[in-house]
Amino acid sequence: MNEESMLTDKQYTGMLIDEFQRLERILKAAKNENAVETVKLINDEMKYLRLKLEPIKLP
């Protein structure tokens, strides 16, 4: 990987926040459809992202 293709911390954090927000939207739809197993999986993924974003305040 060369220096030009490496992400800055700010870019990486932005990507994680985008992914978290995407999961929030999917979670809402899954809850509306009573997709219990999907909700559990999404919650697990969101916990993982929260750990990565711990020092950062989520919107």
Protein backbone atom coordinates (compact mmCIF):
# COMPACT_ATOMS: atom_id res chain seq x y z
CA MET A 1 0.00 0.00 0.00
CA ASN A 2 1.47 3.35 -0.95
CA GLU A 3 1.09 6.58 1.00
CA GLU A 4 -1.48 8.01 -1.42
CA SER A 5 -3.91 5.15 -0.85
CA MET A 6 -3.64 5.14 2.95
CA LEU A 7 -6.55 6.58 4.91
CA THR A 8 -6.12 9.32 7.45
CA ASP A 9 -7.61 8.82 10.92
CA LYS A 10 -10.33 11.32 10.05
CA GLN A 11 -11.25 9.45 6.85
CA TYR A 12 -11.29 6.11 8.67
CA THR A 13 -13.47 7.52 11.44
CA GLY A 14 -15.83 8.96 8.83
CA MET A 15 -16.13 5.58 7.17
CA LEU A 16 -16.90 3.90 10.51
CA ILE A 17 -19.57 6.50 11.31
CA ASP A 18 -21.12 6.06 7.85
CA GLU A 19 -21.25 2.30 8.40
CA PHE A 20 -22.79 2.76 11.86
CA GLN A 21 -25.49 5.03 10.43
CA ARG A 22 -26.18 2.56 7.61
CA LEU A 23 -26.61 -0.21 10.17
CA GLU A 24 -29.02 2.00 12.15
CA ARG A 25 -31.23 2.36 9.06
CA ILE A 26 -31.12 -1.38 8.35
CA LEU A 27 -31.84 -2.13 12.01
CA LYS A 28 -34.99 0.01 11.88
CA ALA A 29 -36.26 -1.91 8.85
CA ALA A 30 -35.38 -5.26 10.43
CA LYS A 31 -37.30 -4.34 13.59
CA ASN A 32 -40.33 -3.32 11.51
CA GLU A 33 -40.26 -6.74 9.85
CA ASN A 34 -39.72 -8.61 13.14
CA ALA A 35 -36.51 -10.11 11.78
CA VAL A 36 -35.25 -11.18 15.19
CA GLU A 37 -32.06 -12.94 14.09
CA THR A 38 -31.15 -10.08 11.76
CA VAL A 39 -31.69 -7.57 14.57
CA LYS A 40 -29.34 -9.58 16.81
CA LEU A 41 -26.68 -9.69 14.11
CA ILE A 42 -26.96 -5.95 13.41
CA ASN A 43 -26.75 -5.16 17.12
CA ASP A 44 -23.56 -7.23 17.37
CA GLU A 45 -22.03 -5.37 14.42
CA MET A 46 -23.01 -2.02 15.95
CA LYS A 47 -21.37 -3.00 19.26
CA TYR A 48 -18.17 -3.77 17.36
CA LEU A 49 -18.27 -0.37 15.64
CA ARG A 50 -19.00 1.36 18.95
CA LEU A 51 -15.82 -0.15 20.38
CA LYS A 52 -13.80 1.19 17.46
CA LEU A 53 -15.43 4.62 17.84
CA GLU A 54 -15.37 4.68 21.65
CA PRO A 55 -13.34 7.88 22.05
CA ILE A 56 -15.53 9.62 19.45
CA LYS A 57 -19.02 10.97 20.11
CA LEU A 58 -21.56 9.38 17.74
CA PRO A 59 -24.23 11.64 16.21
